[in-house]
Amino acid sequence: MWEAFMKSTRANVPQALIVHDRFHIAGYLTKAVNQVRSREHRKLLAAGDETLTGSKFLWLFSVENITEERWMHFEQLLKMDLKCAEAWAMKESMRHFWDYKYEGNARKFFTKWLNWVNEHGEESMKKVGRMIESHLPEVLYYFRHRITNAVSEGLNSKIQAIKSMARGFRGFKNYRVRILFFCGKLDMAISHPTH
């Protein structure tokens, strides 16, 4: 959602629609939850309350990624009157936005979600809500095209790992060959001519 990226896209491919990626939006929401948790944790510690000590990573996970063992502890935290628990619930609720089949229904869901955030959310969550709202047309294009940049993000991650493993290359040519070898889905089977 960075303006420089959008400006460049519009300049170089003016016919293209910009579809903001759901995984980046989830990342912004997760970061906001962590900011809420961090502020609340400092405030509680100042009052001698260690309720949130050691819980940082629980708030960063999605429900399905929390182990059963950790869920028992996390469930207790969720039942408490914590600002980070409500921020986490807002983040998790936003995941349902992507399940809608039609753009109009998704828009209605977002409006209700944003009202909840604006009425009860901490400033970090409100800020993300405002950002999504300011780019809502591009977010809603997802429902027309159902695309994400997960494949390109995964490929970029693989390329960065190749770069890191090599500890640098003598030239771009070697780097390129390695990328093509590991990411090019080349058929490495040697075909022998039949006689």
C-alpha atoms as a PDB file:
ATOM      1  CA  MET A   1       0.000   0.000   0.000  1.00  0.00           C
ATOM      2  CA  TRP A   2       3.027   2.224  -0.233  1.00  0.00           C
ATOM      3  CA  GLU A   3       2.267   5.203  -2.464  1.00  0.00           C
ATOM      4  CA  ALA A   4       5.581   4.906  -4.344  1.00  0.00           C
ATOM      5  CA  PHE A   5       4.720   1.347  -5.456  1.00  0.00           C
ATOM      6  CA  MET A   6       1.249   2.358  -6.580  1.00  0.00           C
ATOM      7  CA  LYS A   7       2.560   5.419  -8.433  1.00  0.00           C
ATOM      8  CA  SER A   8       5.161   3.306 -10.230  1.00  0.00           C
ATOM      9  CA  THR A   9       2.562   0.675 -11.139  1.00  0.00           C
ATOM     10  CA  ARG A  10       0.198   3.285 -12.548  1.00  0.00           C
ATOM     11  CA  ALA A  11       3.011   4.876 -14.541  1.00  0.00           C
ATOM     12  CA  ASN A  12       4.372   1.624 -15.980  1.00  0.00           C
ATOM     13  CA  VAL A  13       1.195  -0.424 -16.430  1.00  0.00           C
ATOM     14  CA  PRO A  14      -1.662   2.095 -16.459  1.00  0.00           C
ATOM     15  CA  GLN A  15      -4.182  -0.503 -17.666  1.00  0.00           C
ATOM     16  CA  ALA A  16      -3.556  -2.777 -14.640  1.00  0.00           C
ATOM     17  CA  LEU A  17      -5.755  -2.889 -11.564  1.00  0.00           C
ATOM     18  CA  ILE A  18      -3.927  -2.790  -8.249  1.00  0.00           C
ATOM     19  CA  VAL A  19      -5.080  -5.536  -5.874  1.00  0.00           C
ATOM     20  CA  HIS A  20      -3.777  -5.091  -2.346  1.00  0.00           C
ATOM     21  CA  ASP A  21      -2.560  -8.361  -0.941  1.00  0.00           C
ATOM     22  CA  ARG A  22      -4.454  -9.960   1.940  1.00  0.00           C
ATOM     23  CA  PHE A  23      -1.236 -11.229   3.528  1.00  0.00           C
ATOM     24  CA  HIS A  24       0.201  -7.723   3.764  1.00  0.00           C
ATOM     25  CA  ILE A  25      -3.009  -6.519   5.375  1.00  0.00           C
ATOM     26  CA  ALA A  26      -2.783  -9.393   7.868  1.00  0.00           C
ATOM     27  CA  GLY A  27       0.810  -8.329   8.531  1.00  0.00           C
ATOM     28  CA  TYR A  28      -0.258  -4.757   9.310  1.00  0.00           C
ATOM     29  CA  LEU A  29      -2.960  -6.040  11.661  1.00  0.00           C
ATOM     30  CA  THR A  30      -0.544  -8.399  13.422  1.00  0.00           C
ATOM     31  CA  LYS A  31       1.932  -5.562  13.899  1.00  0.00           C
ATOM     32  CA  ALA A  32      -0.846  -3.402  15.375  1.00  0.00           C
ATOM     33  CA  VAL A  33      -1.830  -6.176  17.813  1.00  0.00           C
ATOM     34  CA  ASN A  34       1.796  -6.425  18.914  1.00  0.00           C
ATOM     35  CA  GLN A  35       1.957  -2.659  19.470  1.00  0.00           C
ATOM     36  CA  VAL A  36      -1.176  -2.814  21.628  1.00  0.00           C
ATOM     37  CA  ARG A  37       0.250  -5.759  23.587  1.00  0.00           C
ATOM     38  CA  SER A  38       3.591  -4.037  24.071  1.00  0.00           C
ATOM     39  CA  ARG A  39       2.040  -0.831  25.442  1.00  0.00           C
ATOM     40  CA  GLU A  40      -0.328  -2.752  27.685  1.00  0.00           C
ATOM     41  CA  HIS A  41       2.480  -5.009  28.941  1.00  0.00           C
ATOM     42  CA  ARG A  42       4.619  -2.001  29.932  1.00  0.00           C
ATOM     43  CA  LYS A  43       1.642  -0.428  31.721  1.00  0.00           C
ATOM     44  CA  LEU A  44       0.861  -3.652  33.597  1.00  0.00           C
ATOM     45  CA  LEU A  45       4.506  -4.182  34.574  1.00  0.00           C
ATOM     46  CA  ALA A  46       4.662  -0.657  35.975  1.00  0.00           C
ATOM     47  CA  ALA A  47       1.754  -1.660  38.234  1.00  0.00           C
ATOM     48  CA  GLY A  48       3.530  -4.904  39.231  1.00  0.00           C
ATOM     49  CA  ASP A  49       1.321  -7.126  37.051  1.00  0.00           C
ATOM     50  CA  GLU A  50       3.158  -9.756  34.973  1.00  0.00           C
ATOM     51  CA  THR A  51       0.056 -11.132  33.223  1.00  0.00           C
ATOM     52  CA  LEU A  52       1.467 -10.599  29.724  1.00  0.00           C
ATOM     53  CA  THR A  53       5.039 -11.692  30.465  1.00  0.00           C
ATOM     54  CA  GLY A  54       6.147 -14.365  28.003  1.00  0.00           C
ATOM     55  CA  SER A  55       2.981 -14.119  25.896  1.00  0.00           C
ATOM     56  CA  LYS A  56       4.289 -12.040  22.978  1.00  0.00           C
ATOM     57  CA  PHE A  57       4.289 -14.764  20.352  1.00  0.00           C
ATOM     58  CA  LEU A  58       0.832 -16.063  21.307  1.00  0.00           C
ATOM     59  CA  TRP A  59      -0.672 -12.780  20.105  1.00  0.00           C
ATOM     60  CA  LEU A  60       1.163 -13.001  16.784  1.00  0.00           C
ATOM     61  CA  PHE A  61      -0.193 -16.422  15.798  1.00  0.00           C
ATOM     62  CA  SER A  62      -3.478 -17.214  14.109  1.00  0.00           C
ATOM     63  CA  VAL A  63      -5.806 -19.594  15.964  1.00  0.00           C
ATOM     64  CA  GLU A  64      -4.845 -22.664  13.932  1.00  0.00           C
ATOM     65  CA  ASN A  65      -1.133 -22.095  14.574  1.00  0.00           C
ATOM     66  CA  ILE A  66      -1.348 -22.137  18.378  1.00  0.00           C
ATOM     67  CA  THR A  67      -0.418 -25.490  19.877  1.00  0.00           C
ATOM     68  CA  GLU A  68      -2.915 -27.166  22.181  1.00  0.00           C
ATOM     69  CA  GLU A  69      -0.540 -26.738  25.110  1.00  0.00           C
ATOM     70  CA  ARG A  70      -0.185 -23.003  24.526  1.00  0.00           C
ATOM     71  CA  TRP A  71      -3.885 -22.582  23.756  1.00  0.00           C
ATOM     72  CA  MET A  72      -4.826 -23.390  27.360  1.00  0.00           C
ATOM     73  CA  HIS A  73      -2.695 -20.467  28.605  1.00  0.00           C
ATOM     74  CA  PHE A  74      -3.787 -18.206  25.746  1.00  0.00           C
ATOM     75  CA  GLU A  75      -7.479 -18.952  26.350  1.00  0.00           C
ATOM     76  CA  GLN A  76      -7.098 -17.673  29.912  1.00  0.00           C
ATOM     77  CA  LEU A  77      -5.567 -14.441  28.599  1.00  0.00           C
ATOM     78  CA  LEU A  78      -8.387 -14.008  26.082  1.00  0.00           C
ATOM     79  CA  LYS A  79     -10.967 -14.203  28.869  1.00  0.00           C
ATOM     80  CA  MET A  80      -9.312 -11.346  30.736  1.00  0.00           C
ATOM     81  CA  ASP A  81     -10.201  -7.706  30.153  1.00  0.00           C
ATOM     82  CA  LEU A  82      -7.107  -6.958  28.071  1.00  0.00           C
ATOM     83  CA  LYS A  83      -6.823  -4.419  25.296  1.00  0.00           C
ATOM     84  CA  CYS A  84      -4.556  -6.771  23.350  1.00  0.00           C
ATOM     85  CA  ALA A  85      -7.203  -9.518  23.558  1.00  0.00           C
ATOM     86  CA  GLU A  86      -9.709  -7.254  21.834  1.00  0.00           C
ATOM     87  CA  ALA A  87      -7.106  -6.166  19.255  1.00  0.00           C
ATOM     88  CA  TRP A  88      -6.330  -9.839  18.571  1.00  0.00           C
ATOM     89  CA  ALA A  89     -10.058 -10.563  18.159  1.00  0.00           C
ATOM     90  CA  MET A  90     -10.299  -7.690  15.664  1.00  0.00           C
ATOM     91  CA  LYS A  91      -7.359  -9.074  13.689  1.00  0.00           C
ATOM     92  CA  GLU A  92      -8.826 -12.581  13.658  1.00  0.00           C
ATOM     93  CA  SER A  93     -12.281 -11.288  12.720  1.00  0.00           C
ATOM     94  CA  MET A  94     -10.849  -9.489   9.691  1.00  0.00           C
ATOM     95  CA  ARG A  95      -9.818 -12.884   8.304  1.00  0.00           C
ATOM     96  CA  HIS A  96     -13.512 -13.561   7.585  1.00  0.00           C
ATOM     97  CA  PHE A  97     -13.527 -10.605   5.187  1.00  0.00           C
ATOM     98  CA  TRP A  98     -11.646 -12.716   2.627  1.00  0.00           C
ATOM     99  CA  ASP A  99     -14.198 -15.547   2.797  1.00  0.00           C
ATOM    100  CA  TYR A 100     -16.958 -13.531   1.155  1.00  0.00           C
ATOM    101  CA  LYS A 101     -17.931 -14.462  -2.361  1.00  0.00           C
ATOM    102  CA  TYR A 102     -19.251 -11.065  -3.442  1.00  0.00           C
ATOM    103  CA  GLU A 103     -17.647  -7.654  -3.227  1.00  0.00           C
ATOM    104  CA  GLY A 104     -20.805  -5.982  -1.864  1.00  0.00           C
ATOM    105  CA  ASN A 105     -21.039  -8.380   1.084  1.00  0.00           C
ATOM    106  CA  ALA A 106     -17.333  -7.938   1.799  1.00  0.00           C
ATOM    107  CA  ARG A 107     -17.797  -4.160   1.801  1.00  0.00           C
ATOM    108  CA  LYS A 108     -20.684  -4.456   4.318  1.00  0.00           C
ATOM    109  CA  PHE A 109     -18.559  -6.700   6.531  1.00  0.00           C
ATOM    110  CA  PHE A 110     -15.673  -4.235   6.386  1.00  0.00           C
ATOM    111  CA  THR A 111     -17.942  -1.323   7.331  1.00  0.00           C
ATOM    112  CA  LYS A 112     -19.148  -3.196  10.444  1.00  0.00           C
ATOM    113  CA  TRP A 113     -15.595  -4.268  11.287  1.00  0.00           C
ATOM    114  CA  LEU A 114     -14.296  -0.712  10.927  1.00  0.00           C
ATOM    115  CA  ASN A 115     -17.077   0.624  13.162  1.00  0.00           C
ATOM    116  CA  TRP A 116     -16.048  -1.901  15.840  1.00  0.00           C
ATOM    117  CA  VAL A 117     -12.404  -0.857  15.518  1.00  0.00           C
ATOM    118  CA  ASN A 118     -13.229   2.851  15.622  1.00  0.00           C
ATOM    119  CA  GLU A 119     -15.507   2.479  18.660  1.00  0.00           C
ATOM    120  CA  HIS A 120     -13.437   0.052  20.745  1.00  0.00           C
ATOM    121  CA  GLY A 121      -9.994  -0.332  19.216  1.00  0.00           C
ATOM    122  CA  GLU A 122      -6.709   1.110  20.343  1.00  0.00           C
ATOM    123  CA  GLU A 123      -5.019   3.724  18.147  1.00  0.00           C
ATOM    124  CA  SER A 124      -2.734   1.138  16.465  1.00  0.00           C
ATOM    125  CA  MET A 125      -5.771  -0.794  15.244  1.00  0.00           C
ATOM    126  CA  LYS A 126      -7.614   2.378  14.227  1.00  0.00           C
ATOM    127  CA  LYS A 127      -4.609   3.424  12.166  1.00  0.00           C
ATOM    128  CA  VAL A 128      -4.654   0.137  10.222  1.00  0.00           C
ATOM    129  CA  GLY A 129      -8.421   0.445   9.808  1.00  0.00           C
ATOM    130  CA  ARG A 130      -8.004   3.936   8.315  1.00  0.00           C
ATOM    131  CA  MET A 131      -5.253   2.701   6.004  1.00  0.00           C
ATOM    132  CA  ILE A 132      -7.393  -0.171   4.695  1.00  0.00           C
ATOM    133  CA  GLU A 133     -10.356   2.175   4.279  1.00  0.00           C
ATOM    134  CA  SER A 134      -8.246   4.639   2.275  1.00  0.00           C
ATOM    135  CA  HIS A 135      -7.324   1.818  -0.134  1.00  0.00           C
ATOM    136  CA  LEU A 136     -10.640  -0.029  -0.030  1.00  0.00           C
ATOM    137  CA  PRO A 137     -11.312  -0.043  -3.810  1.00  0.00           C
ATOM    138  CA  GLU A 138      -7.962  -1.770  -4.419  1.00  0.00           C
ATOM    139  CA  VAL A 139      -8.595  -4.161  -1.517  1.00  0.00           C
ATOM    140  CA  LEU A 140     -12.027  -5.034  -2.906  1.00  0.00           C
ATOM    141  CA  TYR A 141     -10.568  -5.850  -6.329  1.00  0.00           C
ATOM    142  CA  TYR A 142      -9.556  -9.125  -4.703  1.00  0.00           C
ATOM    143  CA  PHE A 143     -13.175 -10.277  -5.000  1.00  0.00           C
ATOM    144  CA  ARG A 144     -13.091  -9.790  -8.763  1.00  0.00           C
ATOM    145  CA  HIS A 145      -9.769 -11.515  -9.367  1.00  0.00           C
ATOM    146  CA  ARG A 146      -9.030 -13.687  -6.297  1.00  0.00           C
ATOM    147  CA  ILE A 147      -5.294 -13.136  -6.618  1.00  0.00           C
ATOM    148  CA  THR A 148      -2.540 -12.674  -4.070  1.00  0.00           C
ATOM    149  CA  ASN A 149       1.175 -12.300  -4.415  1.00  0.00           C
ATOM    150  CA  ALA A 150       1.885 -15.386  -2.301  1.00  0.00           C
ATOM    151  CA  VAL A 151       3.699 -17.116  -5.178  1.00  0.00           C
ATOM    152  CA  SER A 152       5.973 -14.152  -5.866  1.00  0.00           C
ATOM    153  CA  GLU A 153       6.617 -13.667  -2.131  1.00  0.00           C
ATOM    154  CA  GLY A 154       7.560 -17.339  -1.845  1.00  0.00           C
ATOM    155  CA  LEU A 155       9.841 -17.091  -4.862  1.00  0.00           C
ATOM    156  CA  ASN A 156      11.481 -13.958  -3.477  1.00  0.00           C
ATOM    157  CA  SER A 157      12.029 -15.717  -0.163  1.00  0.00           C
ATOM    158  CA  LYS A 158      13.686 -18.634  -1.964  1.00  0.00           C
ATOM    159  CA  ILE A 159      15.935 -16.255  -3.937  1.00  0.00           C
ATOM    160  CA  GLN A 160      16.962 -14.465  -0.735  1.00  0.00           C
ATOM    161  CA  ALA A 161      17.832 -17.844   0.820  1.00  0.00           C
ATOM    162  CA  ILE A 162      19.966 -18.700  -2.252  1.00  0.00           C
ATOM    163  CA  LYS A 163      21.758 -15.361  -1.908  1.00  0.00           C
ATOM    164  CA  SER A 164      22.312 -15.898   1.805  1.00  0.00           C
ATOM    165  CA  MET A 165      23.614 -19.472   1.415  1.00  0.00           C
ATOM    166  CA  ALA A 166      26.139 -18.409  -1.210  1.00  0.00           C
ATOM    167  CA  ARG A 167      27.558 -15.573   0.930  1.00  0.00           C
ATOM    168  CA  GLY A 168      27.782 -13.499  -2.217  1.00  0.00           C
ATOM    169  CA  PHE A 169      28.585 -14.254  -5.821  1.00  0.00           C
ATOM    170  CA  ARG A 170      31.538 -13.222  -7.952  1.00  0.00           C
ATOM    171  CA  GLY A 171      29.177 -12.026 -10.630  1.00  0.00           C
ATOM    172  CA  PHE A 172      25.542 -11.748 -11.538  1.00  0.00           C
ATOM    173  CA  LYS A 173      25.852 -14.586 -14.054  1.00  0.00           C
ATOM    174  CA  ASN A 174      26.540 -17.148 -11.292  1.00  0.00           C
ATOM    175  CA  TYR A 175      23.718 -15.751  -9.170  1.00  0.00           C
ATOM    176  CA  ARG A 176      21.334 -15.971 -12.140  1.00  0.00           C
ATOM    177  CA  VAL A 177      22.312 -19.576 -12.895  1.00  0.00           C
ATOM    178  CA  ARG A 178      21.718 -20.588  -9.292  1.00  0.00           C
ATOM    179  CA  ILE A 179      18.296 -18.877  -9.253  1.00  0.00           C
ATOM    180  CA  LEU A 180      17.301 -20.605 -12.485  1.00  0.00           C
ATOM    181  CA  PHE A 181      18.573 -23.948 -11.184  1.00  0.00           C
ATOM    182  CA  PHE A 182      16.663 -23.821  -7.885  1.00  0.00           C
ATOM    183  CA  CYS A 183      13.582 -21.840  -8.947  1.00  0.00           C
ATOM    184  CA  GLY A 184      13.197 -22.629 -12.638  1.00  0.00           C
ATOM    185  CA  LYS A 185      11.413 -25.973 -12.210  1.00  0.00           C
ATOM    186  CA  LEU A 186      13.741 -27.417 -14.795  1.00  0.00           C
ATOM    187  CA  ASP A 187      13.487 -31.087 -15.631  1.00  0.00           C
ATOM    188  CA  MET A 188      16.898 -32.376 -14.629  1.00  0.00           C
ATOM    189  CA  ALA A 189      16.262 -35.937 -15.764  1.00  0.00           C
ATOM    190  CA  ILE A 190      18.673 -36.995 -18.491  1.00  0.00           C
ATOM    191  CA  SER A 191      16.842 -38.453 -21.402  1.00  0.00           C
ATOM    192  CA  HIS A 192      18.737 -41.197 -23.165  1.00  0.00           C
ATOM    193  CA  PRO A 193      18.051 -41.793 -26.814  1.00  0.00           C
ATOM    194  CA  THR A 194      16.459 -45.149 -27.440  1.00  0.00           C
ATOM    195  CA  HIS A 195      18.214 -47.415 -29.918  1.00  0.00           C
END
